[in-house]
Amino acid sequence: MKIDESVHKYLQDNNMLPDGNHMLYVGVKGGGCSGMQYVFQVVKFDPDKYFAYDIFVCSDNKSSLFLKNCKLVYKQSVGASILVVENPNAVSTCGCGESFSL
């Protein structure tokens, strides 16, 4: 997965910079309207459990299979500002973009 510069700016602007122990975790789990959904949470980084995409963002090995060729971006609009996974592998997505199917 590639991490867009907009994500780094979002994390900096919201004082969510890594402190050496914590990172933004991006994962995939079963559920949502389309069968699989993205998970975002701040986790204590454990190299035995996670791997780092860069100094800000990490994932686990299982999720990385679903995130291959994806791009994480931060998008702002009048009604919302959200982290979005742009997934070219997805066959379908739900209307809000939080879930997908392969």
C-alpha atoms as a PDB file:
ATOM      1  CA  MET A   1       0.000   0.000   0.000  1.00  0.00           C
ATOM      2  CA  LYS A   2       1.190   3.476  -0.821  1.00  0.00           C
ATOM      3  CA  ILE A   3       0.664   6.311   1.641  1.00  0.00           C
ATOM      4  CA  ASP A   4      -0.252   9.677   0.136  1.00  0.00           C
ATOM      5  CA  GLU A   5       1.368  12.834   1.493  1.00  0.00           C
ATOM      6  CA  SER A   6      -2.143  14.057   2.432  1.00  0.00           C
ATOM      7  CA  VAL A   7      -2.223  11.350   5.140  1.00  0.00           C
ATOM      8  CA  HIS A   8       1.055  12.555   6.634  1.00  0.00           C
ATOM      9  CA  LYS A   9      -0.245  16.133   6.676  1.00  0.00           C
ATOM     10  CA  TYR A  10      -3.513  15.005   8.317  1.00  0.00           C
ATOM     11  CA  LEU A  11      -1.604  13.114  11.032  1.00  0.00           C
ATOM     12  CA  GLN A  12       0.687  16.090  11.647  1.00  0.00           C
ATOM     13  CA  ASP A  13      -2.163  18.616  11.737  1.00  0.00           C
ATOM     14  CA  ASN A  14      -4.040  16.493  14.296  1.00  0.00           C
ATOM     15  CA  ASN A  15      -1.025  15.827  16.529  1.00  0.00           C
ATOM     16  CA  MET A  16      -1.064  12.137  15.646  1.00  0.00           C
ATOM     17  CA  LEU A  17       2.600  11.884  14.772  1.00  0.00           C
ATOM     18  CA  PRO A  18       4.243   8.633  15.769  1.00  0.00           C
ATOM     19  CA  ASP A  19       5.912   8.753  19.157  1.00  0.00           C
ATOM     20  CA  GLY A  20       8.181   5.800  18.533  1.00  0.00           C
ATOM     21  CA  ASN A  21       5.643   3.408  20.042  1.00  0.00           C
ATOM     22  CA  HIS A  22       2.344   4.127  18.300  1.00  0.00           C
ATOM     23  CA  MET A  23       1.293   4.149  14.657  1.00  0.00           C
ATOM     24  CA  LEU A  24      -1.870   4.322  12.574  1.00  0.00           C
ATOM     25  CA  TYR A  25      -2.940   0.736  11.827  1.00  0.00           C
ATOM     26  CA  VAL A  26      -4.789   0.061   8.577  1.00  0.00           C
ATOM     27  CA  GLY A  27      -6.354  -3.369   8.401  1.00  0.00           C
ATOM     28  CA  VAL A  28      -9.083  -5.397   6.752  1.00  0.00           C
ATOM     29  CA  LYS A  29     -11.711  -7.579   8.424  1.00  0.00           C
ATOM     30  CA  GLY A  30     -14.885  -9.352   7.412  1.00  0.00           C
ATOM     31  CA  GLY A  31     -18.062  -7.289   7.616  1.00  0.00           C
ATOM     32  CA  GLY A  32     -19.671  -4.181   6.194  1.00  0.00           C
ATOM     33  CA  CYS A  33     -22.161  -3.881   3.341  1.00  0.00           C
ATOM     34  CA  SER A  34     -19.857  -5.447   0.751  1.00  0.00           C
ATOM     35  CA  GLY A  35     -18.322  -8.251   2.800  1.00  0.00           C
ATOM     36  CA  MET A  36     -14.995  -6.782   3.926  1.00  0.00           C
ATOM     37  CA  GLN A  37     -14.281  -3.523   5.697  1.00  0.00           C
ATOM     38  CA  TYR A  38     -11.310  -1.324   6.438  1.00  0.00           C
ATOM     39  CA  VAL A  39     -10.136  -0.817  10.013  1.00  0.00           C
ATOM     40  CA  PHE A  40      -8.275   2.280  11.198  1.00  0.00           C
ATOM     41  CA  GLN A  41      -6.911   2.555  14.720  1.00  0.00           C
ATOM     42  CA  VAL A  42      -3.886   3.783  16.616  1.00  0.00           C
ATOM     43  CA  VAL A  43      -1.861   0.838  17.912  1.00  0.00           C
ATOM     44  CA  LYS A  44       1.276   0.302  19.916  1.00  0.00           C
ATOM     45  CA  PHE A  45       3.724  -0.877  17.287  1.00  0.00           C
ATOM     46  CA  ASP A  46       4.952  -4.434  17.789  1.00  0.00           C
ATOM     47  CA  PRO A  47       7.319  -5.652  15.034  1.00  0.00           C
ATOM     48  CA  ASP A  48       6.288  -9.248  15.749  1.00  0.00           C
ATOM     49  CA  LYS A  49       2.656  -8.403  15.005  1.00  0.00           C
ATOM     50  CA  TYR A  50       2.789  -5.521  12.494  1.00  0.00           C
ATOM     51  CA  PHE A  51       5.005  -4.221   9.739  1.00  0.00           C
ATOM     52  CA  ALA A  52       5.473  -0.571   8.866  1.00  0.00           C
ATOM     53  CA  TYR A  53       4.638   0.964   5.491  1.00  0.00           C
ATOM     54  CA  ASP A  54       6.445   4.104   6.627  1.00  0.00           C
ATOM     55  CA  ILE A  55       7.052   5.897   9.938  1.00  0.00           C
ATOM     56  CA  PHE A  56       3.338   6.701  10.309  1.00  0.00           C
ATOM     57  CA  VAL A  57       1.323   3.710   9.084  1.00  0.00           C
ATOM     58  CA  CYS A  58       1.437  -0.040   9.750  1.00  0.00           C
ATOM     59  CA  SER A  59      -0.594  -3.158   8.997  1.00  0.00           C
ATOM     60  CA  ASP A  60      -0.543  -6.901   9.570  1.00  0.00           C
ATOM     61  CA  ASN A  61       0.474  -9.588   7.070  1.00  0.00           C
ATOM     62  CA  LYS A  62      -3.062 -10.876   6.453  1.00  0.00           C
ATOM     63  CA  SER A  63      -4.492  -7.409   5.773  1.00  0.00           C
ATOM     64  CA  SER A  64      -1.583  -6.520   3.505  1.00  0.00           C
ATOM     65  CA  LEU A  65      -2.764  -9.175   1.046  1.00  0.00           C
ATOM     66  CA  PHE A  66      -5.994  -7.192   0.582  1.00  0.00           C
ATOM     67  CA  LEU A  67      -4.192  -3.824   0.536  1.00  0.00           C
ATOM     68  CA  LYS A  68      -1.751  -4.702  -2.249  1.00  0.00           C
ATOM     69  CA  ASN A  69      -1.656  -1.958  -4.925  1.00  0.00           C
ATOM     70  CA  CYS A  70      -3.901   0.279  -2.767  1.00  0.00           C
ATOM     71  CA  LYS A  71      -3.306   3.889  -1.835  1.00  0.00           C
ATOM     72  CA  LEU A  72      -4.257   5.522   1.477  1.00  0.00           C
ATOM     73  CA  VAL A  73      -5.371   9.156   1.046  1.00  0.00           C
ATOM     74  CA  TYR A  74      -6.989  11.824   3.185  1.00  0.00           C
ATOM     75  CA  LYS A  75      -9.961  13.539   1.523  1.00  0.00           C
ATOM     76  CA  GLN A  76     -11.857  16.637   2.554  1.00  0.00           C
ATOM     77  CA  SER A  77     -15.226  17.844   1.347  1.00  0.00           C
ATOM     78  CA  VAL A  78     -17.889  20.216   2.615  1.00  0.00           C
ATOM     79  CA  GLY A  79     -19.615  17.479   4.619  1.00  0.00           C
ATOM     80  CA  ALA A  80     -16.734  15.286   5.745  1.00  0.00           C
ATOM     81  CA  SER A  81     -13.035  14.657   6.015  1.00  0.00           C
ATOM     82  CA  ILE A  82     -11.949  11.017   5.990  1.00  0.00           C
ATOM     83  CA  LEU A  83      -9.141   8.579   5.377  1.00  0.00           C
ATOM     84  CA  VAL A  84      -9.884   6.595   2.221  1.00  0.00           C
ATOM     85  CA  VAL A  85      -8.324   3.445   0.817  1.00  0.00           C
ATOM     86  CA  GLU A  86      -8.272   3.675  -2.960  1.00  0.00           C
ATOM     87  CA  ASN A  87      -8.444  -0.007  -3.883  1.00  0.00           C
ATOM     88  CA  PRO A  88      -8.042  -0.936  -7.554  1.00  0.00           C
ATOM     89  CA  ASN A  89      -8.535  -4.602  -6.601  1.00  0.00           C
ATOM     90  CA  ALA A  90     -12.098  -4.056  -5.343  1.00  0.00           C
ATOM     91  CA  VAL A  91     -14.842  -5.525  -7.532  1.00  0.00           C
ATOM     92  CA  SER A  92     -17.495  -3.537  -5.665  1.00  0.00           C
ATOM     93  CA  THR A  93     -17.681  -1.030  -2.820  1.00  0.00           C
ATOM     94  CA  CYS A  94     -20.472   0.303  -0.652  1.00  0.00           C
ATOM     95  CA  GLY A  95     -21.736   3.844  -1.057  1.00  0.00           C
ATOM     96  CA  CYS A  96     -19.699   5.234   1.832  1.00  0.00           C
ATOM     97  CA  GLY A  97     -16.487   3.493   0.741  1.00  0.00           C
ATOM     98  CA  GLU A  98     -15.894   1.751   4.069  1.00  0.00           C
ATOM     99  CA  SER A  99     -16.380  -1.760   2.735  1.00  0.00           C
ATOM    100  CA  PHE A 100     -15.531  -3.673  -0.424  1.00  0.00           C
ATOM    101  CA  SER A 101     -15.501  -7.072  -2.073  1.00  0.00           C
ATOM    102  CA  LEU A 102     -12.879  -8.754  -4.216  1.00  0.00           C
END
